[in-house]
Amino acid sequence: MELTEVDRMIEVHFHADRDLDVEGLMEVQLRRGELTTSRCGMLSFFPQGTLSELAVMNVDFFGETNANEQLIALAIVTADDMGEAMSSIYYDHHPQTFPTRIFRDGAEARRWLHGMIASEREV
């Protein structure tokens, strides 16, 4: 996890072949809040095989932290169909106040997130 773009974007790169559990995903959200309290975007990269643990579907990780106040938008980059399906179901079940999009291409996700951050600056 790193803070980039002059405190406006948090990038999270999850480790390949490590299925994420409730504790791990909650730790990411807690660390997000420790990196900055500024309004920012978040870009998360999920390699193949990291999103299949069903227990994570029961927790609103963003709602239980300050994400709804902090995040401008969230871009998720997933490498496989399972990750895309799990992400889609998760955000249907736990809608957030900030825009969320799922991508397969990191560059496309980054462009979208930059646009969302720029839009907020214009307001």
N, C-alpha and C. Protein backbone atom coordinates (compact mmCIF):
# COMPACT_ATOMS: atom_id res chain seq x y z
N MET A 1 0.85 -1.17 0.00
CA MET A 1 0.00 0.00 0.00
C MET A 1 0.90 1.23 0.00
N GLU A 2 0.56 2.16 -0.89
CA GLU A 2 1.32 3.41 -0.93
C GLU A 2 0.41 4.58 -1.28
N LEU A 3 0.81 5.73 -0.82
CA LEU A 3 0.12 6.98 -1.11
C LEU A 3 0.86 7.65 -2.25
N THR A 4 0.16 7.92 -3.35
CA THR A 4 0.79 8.50 -4.53
C THR A 4 0.05 9.77 -4.95
N GLU A 5 0.53 10.40 -5.99
CA GLU A 5 -0.14 11.56 -6.59
C GLU A 5 -0.40 12.68 -5.57
N VAL A 6 0.61 13.01 -4.79
CA VAL A 6 0.53 14.08 -3.81
C VAL A 6 -0.70 13.92 -2.91
N ASP A 7 -0.76 12.80 -2.24
CA ASP A 7 -1.81 12.52 -1.25
C ASP A 7 -3.21 12.39 -1.82
N ARG A 8 -3.35 12.13 -3.10
CA ARG A 8 -4.69 12.04 -3.69
C ARG A 8 -5.07 10.63 -4.13
N MET A 9 -4.12 9.67 -4.08
CA MET A 9 -4.45 8.31 -4.49
C MET A 9 -3.69 7.29 -3.63
N ILE A 10 -4.44 6.33 -3.13
CA ILE A 10 -3.85 5.20 -2.41
C ILE A 10 -3.87 4.00 -3.34
N GLU A 11 -2.71 3.38 -3.53
CA GLU A 11 -2.63 2.17 -4.35
C GLU A 11 -2.36 0.98 -3.44
N VAL A 12 -3.13 -0.07 -3.66
CA VAL A 12 -2.97 -1.30 -2.89
C VAL A 12 -2.71 -2.43 -3.87
N HIS A 13 -1.60 -3.12 -3.67
CA HIS A 13 -1.24 -4.27 -4.50
C HIS A 13 -1.24 -5.51 -3.60
N PHE A 14 -2.24 -6.36 -3.79
CA PHE A 14 -2.35 -7.57 -2.98
C PHE A 14 -1.42 -8.64 -3.54
N HIS A 15 -0.97 -9.53 -2.65
CA HIS A 15 -0.06 -10.61 -3.04
C HIS A 15 -0.80 -11.70 -3.80
N ALA A 16 -0.17 -12.20 -4.84
CA ALA A 16 -0.75 -13.29 -5.64
C ALA A 16 -0.84 -14.56 -4.81
N ASP A 17 -1.84 -15.36 -5.13
CA ASP A 17 -2.04 -16.69 -4.52
C ASP A 17 -2.25 -16.66 -3.01
N ARG A 18 -2.75 -15.56 -2.48
CA ARG A 18 -3.11 -15.48 -1.07
C ARG A 18 -4.56 -15.02 -1.00
N ASP A 19 -5.45 -15.96 -0.75
CA ASP A 19 -6.87 -15.61 -0.66
C ASP A 19 -7.06 -14.66 0.51
N LEU A 20 -7.71 -13.56 0.27
CA LEU A 20 -7.89 -12.54 1.30
C LEU A 20 -9.01 -12.92 2.26
N ASP A 21 -8.76 -12.72 3.53
CA ASP A 21 -9.76 -13.02 4.54
C ASP A 21 -10.25 -11.72 5.18
N VAL A 22 -11.20 -11.86 6.09
CA VAL A 22 -11.81 -10.70 6.74
C VAL A 22 -10.75 -9.86 7.45
N GLU A 23 -9.87 -10.51 8.20
CA GLU A 23 -8.86 -9.77 8.97
C GLU A 23 -7.92 -9.00 8.04
N GLY A 24 -7.50 -9.63 6.95
CA GLY A 24 -6.59 -8.97 6.02
C GLY A 24 -7.21 -7.78 5.32
N LEU A 25 -8.45 -7.93 4.89
CA LEU A 25 -9.11 -6.81 4.21
C LEU A 25 -9.43 -5.67 5.18
N MET A 26 -9.76 -6.00 6.42
CA MET A 26 -10.01 -4.94 7.42
C MET A 26 -8.71 -4.21 7.73
N GLU A 27 -7.59 -4.94 7.79
CA GLU A 27 -6.31 -4.30 8.04
C GLU A 27 -5.98 -3.28 6.95
N VAL A 28 -6.29 -3.61 5.70
CA VAL A 28 -6.05 -2.68 4.60
C VAL A 28 -6.85 -1.40 4.83
N GLN A 29 -8.10 -1.51 5.22
CA GLN A 29 -8.93 -0.32 5.44
C GLN A 29 -8.42 0.51 6.61
N LEU A 30 -7.97 -0.14 7.65
CA LEU A 30 -7.43 0.59 8.80
C LEU A 30 -6.14 1.32 8.41
N ARG A 31 -5.29 0.67 7.64
CA ARG A 31 -4.03 1.29 7.19
C ARG A 31 -4.31 2.47 6.25
N ARG A 32 -5.35 2.34 5.43
CA ARG A 32 -5.75 3.44 4.55
C ARG A 32 -5.98 4.70 5.38
N GLY A 33 -6.70 4.56 6.46
CA GLY A 33 -6.98 5.70 7.33
C GLY A 33 -5.75 6.24 8.02
N GLU A 34 -4.74 5.39 8.21
CA GLU A 34 -3.50 5.83 8.83
C GLU A 34 -2.59 6.55 7.83
N LEU A 35 -2.67 6.19 6.55
CA LEU A 35 -1.82 6.82 5.54
C LEU A 35 -2.14 8.30 5.35
N THR A 36 -3.43 8.60 5.32
CA THR A 36 -3.86 9.98 5.14
C THR A 36 -5.29 10.13 5.63
N THR A 37 -5.60 11.34 6.05
CA THR A 37 -6.99 11.65 6.39
C THR A 37 -7.61 12.53 5.30
N SER A 38 -6.82 12.84 4.28
CA SER A 38 -7.29 13.67 3.16
C SER A 38 -8.25 12.90 2.28
N ARG A 39 -9.10 13.63 1.55
CA ARG A 39 -9.95 13.02 0.53
C ARG A 39 -9.04 12.48 -0.56
N CYS A 40 -9.31 11.26 -1.00
CA CYS A 40 -8.43 10.63 -1.98
C CYS A 40 -9.19 9.53 -2.74
N GLY A 41 -8.55 9.05 -3.79
CA GLY A 41 -9.04 7.90 -4.51
C GLY A 41 -8.28 6.67 -4.06
N MET A 42 -8.83 5.50 -4.35
CA MET A 42 -8.16 4.25 -3.98
C MET A 42 -8.17 3.33 -5.19
N LEU A 43 -7.01 2.75 -5.47
CA LEU A 43 -6.82 1.84 -6.60
C LEU A 43 -6.30 0.52 -6.03
N SER A 44 -7.10 -0.54 -6.17
CA SER A 44 -6.74 -1.85 -5.60
C SER A 44 -6.52 -2.87 -6.71
N PHE A 45 -5.39 -3.56 -6.64
CA PHE A 45 -5.02 -4.59 -7.61
C PHE A 45 -5.14 -5.96 -6.95
N PHE A 46 -6.02 -6.81 -7.49
CA PHE A 46 -6.25 -8.16 -6.97
C PHE A 46 -5.77 -9.18 -8.00
N PRO A 47 -4.62 -9.82 -7.77
CA PRO A 47 -4.17 -10.87 -8.69
C PRO A 47 -5.10 -12.07 -8.67
N GLN A 48 -4.94 -12.94 -9.62
CA GLN A 48 -5.75 -14.15 -9.70
C GLN A 48 -5.65 -14.94 -8.39
N GLY A 49 -6.80 -15.44 -7.94
CA GLY A 49 -6.83 -16.30 -6.76
C GLY A 49 -6.86 -15.59 -5.43
N THR A 50 -7.05 -14.27 -5.42
CA THR A 50 -7.06 -13.56 -4.14
C THR A 50 -8.46 -13.24 -3.64
N LEU A 51 -9.48 -13.40 -4.47
CA LEU A 51 -10.84 -13.06 -4.06
C LEU A 51 -11.78 -14.26 -4.23
N SER A 52 -11.78 -15.14 -3.25
CA SER A 52 -12.73 -16.26 -3.30
C SER A 52 -13.24 -16.65 -1.92
N GLU A 53 -12.75 -16.01 -0.87
CA GLU A 53 -13.17 -16.31 0.50
C GLU A 53 -14.57 -15.73 0.74
N LEU A 54 -15.57 -16.58 0.92
CA LEU A 54 -16.95 -16.12 1.03
C LEU A 54 -17.23 -15.31 2.29
N ALA A 55 -16.49 -15.52 3.36
CA ALA A 55 -16.75 -14.79 4.61
C ALA A 55 -16.59 -13.28 4.43
N VAL A 56 -15.78 -12.84 3.49
CA VAL A 56 -15.58 -11.40 3.30
C VAL A 56 -16.84 -10.71 2.79
N MET A 57 -17.75 -11.47 2.25
CA MET A 57 -18.99 -10.89 1.71
C MET A 57 -19.91 -10.36 2.81
N ASN A 58 -19.70 -10.77 4.04
CA ASN A 58 -20.58 -10.40 5.15
C ASN A 58 -20.16 -9.12 5.87
N VAL A 59 -19.04 -8.52 5.49
CA VAL A 59 -18.52 -7.36 6.22
C VAL A 59 -18.46 -6.15 5.29
N ASP A 60 -19.01 -5.04 5.74
CA ASP A 60 -18.91 -3.78 5.00
C ASP A 60 -17.64 -3.08 5.47
N PHE A 61 -16.50 -3.43 4.87
CA PHE A 61 -15.20 -2.90 5.28
C PHE A 61 -15.14 -1.39 5.18
N PHE A 62 -15.78 -0.83 4.18
CA PHE A 62 -15.74 0.61 3.98
C PHE A 62 -16.67 1.33 4.95
N GLY A 63 -17.83 0.75 5.20
CA GLY A 63 -18.79 1.35 6.13
C GLY A 63 -18.30 1.33 7.57
N GLU A 64 -17.47 0.34 7.91
CA GLU A 64 -16.97 0.24 9.28
C GLU A 64 -15.75 1.11 9.54
N THR A 65 -15.23 1.74 8.50
CA THR A 65 -14.11 2.68 8.64
C THR A 65 -14.59 4.02 8.11
N ASN A 66 -13.71 4.97 7.96
CA ASN A 66 -14.12 6.31 7.50
C ASN A 66 -14.12 6.43 5.99
N ALA A 67 -14.21 5.35 5.27
CA ALA A 67 -14.07 5.37 3.81
C ALA A 67 -15.12 6.23 3.12
N ASN A 68 -16.34 6.20 3.58
CA ASN A 68 -17.39 6.96 2.92
C ASN A 68 -17.16 8.46 3.01
N GLU A 69 -16.44 8.91 4.03
CA GLU A 69 -16.09 10.32 4.14
C GLU A 69 -14.79 10.62 3.41
N GLN A 70 -13.89 9.64 3.33
CA GLN A 70 -12.55 9.88 2.79
C GLN A 70 -12.42 9.63 1.29
N LEU A 71 -13.03 8.57 0.79
CA LEU A 71 -12.77 8.17 -0.59
C LEU A 71 -13.61 8.94 -1.60
N ILE A 72 -12.95 9.43 -2.63
CA ILE A 72 -13.60 10.08 -3.76
C ILE A 72 -14.18 9.00 -4.67
N ALA A 73 -13.40 7.95 -4.90
CA ALA A 73 -13.80 6.84 -5.77
C ALA A 73 -12.86 5.66 -5.52
N LEU A 74 -13.31 4.48 -5.91
CA LEU A 74 -12.53 3.25 -5.78
C LEU A 74 -12.50 2.54 -7.12
N ALA A 75 -11.29 2.25 -7.59
CA ALA A 75 -11.10 1.45 -8.81
C ALA A 75 -10.49 0.12 -8.40
N ILE A 76 -11.12 -0.96 -8.84
CA ILE A 76 -10.65 -2.31 -8.53
C ILE A 76 -10.16 -2.94 -9.83
N VAL A 77 -8.95 -3.47 -9.78
CA VAL A 77 -8.40 -4.18 -10.93
C VAL A 77 -8.26 -5.64 -10.51
N THR A 78 -8.99 -6.50 -11.20
CA THR A 78 -8.95 -7.92 -10.88
C THR A 78 -8.51 -8.72 -12.10
N ALA A 79 -7.76 -9.77 -11.84
CA ALA A 79 -7.14 -10.54 -12.93
C ALA A 79 -7.96 -11.74 -13.39
N ASP A 80 -9.06 -12.04 -12.70
CA ASP A 80 -9.80 -13.24 -13.08
C ASP A 80 -11.30 -13.06 -12.94
N ASP A 81 -12.04 -13.99 -13.53
CA ASP A 81 -13.51 -13.94 -13.50
C ASP A 81 -14.04 -14.05 -12.08
N MET A 82 -13.41 -14.88 -11.25
CA MET A 82 -13.88 -15.04 -9.86
C MET A 82 -13.76 -13.72 -9.12
N GLY A 83 -12.65 -13.03 -9.27
CA GLY A 83 -12.47 -11.74 -8.61
C GLY A 83 -13.48 -10.72 -9.08
N GLU A 84 -13.76 -10.71 -10.37
CA GLU A 84 -14.75 -9.77 -10.91
C GLU A 84 -16.14 -10.09 -10.38
N ALA A 85 -16.50 -11.35 -10.35
CA ALA A 85 -17.81 -11.76 -9.84
C ALA A 85 -17.95 -11.44 -8.36
N MET A 86 -16.93 -11.77 -7.58
CA MET A 86 -16.98 -11.51 -6.14
C MET A 86 -17.08 -10.00 -5.87
N SER A 87 -16.32 -9.22 -6.61
CA SER A 87 -16.36 -7.77 -6.42
C SER A 87 -17.74 -7.21 -6.77
N SER A 88 -18.29 -7.65 -7.87
CA SER A 88 -19.62 -7.18 -8.29
C SER A 88 -20.68 -7.51 -7.25
N ILE A 89 -20.68 -8.73 -6.78
CA ILE A 89 -21.65 -9.15 -5.76
C ILE A 89 -21.44 -8.36 -4.47
N TYR A 90 -20.19 -8.19 -4.08
CA TYR A 90 -19.89 -7.47 -2.84
C TYR A 90 -20.47 -6.05 -2.89
N TYR A 91 -20.19 -5.31 -3.96
CA TYR A 91 -20.64 -3.92 -4.03
C TYR A 91 -22.13 -3.80 -4.30
N ASP A 92 -22.75 -4.82 -4.85
CA ASP A 92 -24.22 -4.84 -4.93
C ASP A 92 -24.82 -5.00 -3.54
N HIS A 93 -24.16 -5.83 -2.72
CA HIS A 93 -24.64 -6.12 -1.37
C HIS A 93 -24.26 -5.01 -0.38
N HIS A 94 -23.13 -4.36 -0.61
CA HIS A 94 -22.64 -3.28 0.26
C HIS A 94 -22.40 -2.02 -0.58
N PRO A 95 -23.46 -1.35 -1.00
CA PRO A 95 -23.25 -0.13 -1.80
C PRO A 95 -22.56 0.95 -0.96
N GLN A 96 -21.73 1.73 -1.63
CA GLN A 96 -20.99 2.79 -0.95
C GLN A 96 -21.47 4.14 -1.45
N THR A 97 -21.07 5.20 -0.76
CA THR A 97 -21.46 6.54 -1.17
C THR A 97 -20.55 7.09 -2.26
N PHE A 98 -19.42 6.45 -2.50
CA PHE A 98 -18.48 6.87 -3.53
C PHE A 98 -18.58 5.93 -4.73
N PRO A 99 -18.27 6.42 -5.93
CA PRO A 99 -18.31 5.57 -7.13
C PRO A 99 -17.28 4.45 -7.04
N THR A 100 -17.67 3.28 -7.52
CA THR A 100 -16.80 2.11 -7.54
C THR A 100 -16.91 1.47 -8.91
N ARG A 101 -15.75 1.15 -9.52
CA ARG A 101 -15.74 0.46 -10.82
C ARG A 101 -14.73 -0.66 -10.80
N ILE A 102 -15.04 -1.70 -11.55
CA ILE A 102 -14.18 -2.88 -11.66
C ILE A 102 -13.56 -2.90 -13.05
N PHE A 103 -12.27 -3.14 -13.09
CA PHE A 103 -11.51 -3.16 -14.34
C PHE A 103 -10.67 -4.42 -14.44
N ARG A 104 -10.24 -4.73 -15.65
CA ARG A 104 -9.24 -5.78 -15.89
C ARG A 104 -7.90 -5.16 -16.23
N ASP A 105 -7.90 -3.88 -16.60
CA ASP A 105 -6.70 -3.19 -17.06
C ASP A 105 -6.33 -2.08 -16.07
N GLY A 106 -5.11 -2.14 -15.53
CA GLY A 106 -4.68 -1.15 -14.55
C GLY A 106 -4.59 0.26 -15.09
N ALA A 107 -4.12 0.42 -16.33
CA ALA A 107 -4.00 1.76 -16.92
C ALA A 107 -5.38 2.39 -17.09
N GLU A 108 -6.34 1.61 -17.53
CA GLU A 108 -7.71 2.12 -17.69
C GLU A 108 -8.29 2.52 -16.34
N ALA A 109 -8.06 1.70 -15.32
CA ALA A 109 -8.55 2.00 -13.97
C ALA A 109 -7.92 3.28 -13.45
N ARG A 110 -6.63 3.44 -13.67
CA ARG A 110 -5.93 4.63 -13.20
C ARG A 110 -6.45 5.88 -13.92
N ARG A 111 -6.70 5.81 -15.21
CA ARG A 111 -7.26 6.96 -15.95
C ARG A 111 -8.63 7.36 -15.39
N TRP A 112 -9.48 6.35 -15.16
CA TRP A 112 -10.81 6.63 -14.61
C TRP A 112 -10.69 7.30 -13.24
N LEU A 113 -9.83 6.77 -12.38
CA LEU A 113 -9.68 7.31 -11.04
C LEU A 113 -9.11 8.73 -11.07
N HIS A 114 -8.14 8.98 -11.93
CA HIS A 114 -7.63 10.36 -12.09
C HIS A 114 -8.76 11.30 -12.49
N GLY A 115 -9.62 10.86 -13.40
CA GLY A 115 -10.76 11.67 -13.81
C GLY A 115 -11.71 11.96 -12.65
N MET A 116 -11.96 10.97 -11.82
CA MET A 116 -12.85 11.16 -10.67
C MET A 116 -12.24 12.15 -9.67
N ILE A 117 -10.94 12.04 -9.45
CA ILE A 117 -10.26 12.96 -8.53
C ILE A 117 -10.29 14.37 -9.10
N ALA A 118 -10.01 14.51 -10.39
CA ALA A 118 -10.03 15.83 -11.04
C ALA A 118 -11.42 16.46 -10.98
N SER A 119 -12.45 15.63 -11.14
CA SER A 119 -13.83 16.14 -11.08
C SER A 119 -14.15 16.74 -9.73
N GLU A 120 -13.64 16.11 -8.68
CA GLU A 120 -13.90 16.66 -7.34
C GLU A 120 -13.19 17.99 -7.14
N ARG A 121 -12.00 18.13 -7.71
CA ARG A 121 -11.25 19.39 -7.58
C ARG A 121 -12.01 20.54 -8.23
N GLU A 122 -12.77 20.25 -9.29
CA GLU A 122 -13.50 21.28 -10.02
C GLU A 122 -14.73 21.77 -9.27
N VAL A 123 -15.20 20.99 -8.33
CA VAL A 123 -16.43 21.33 -7.61
C VAL A 123 -16.18 22.37 -6.56
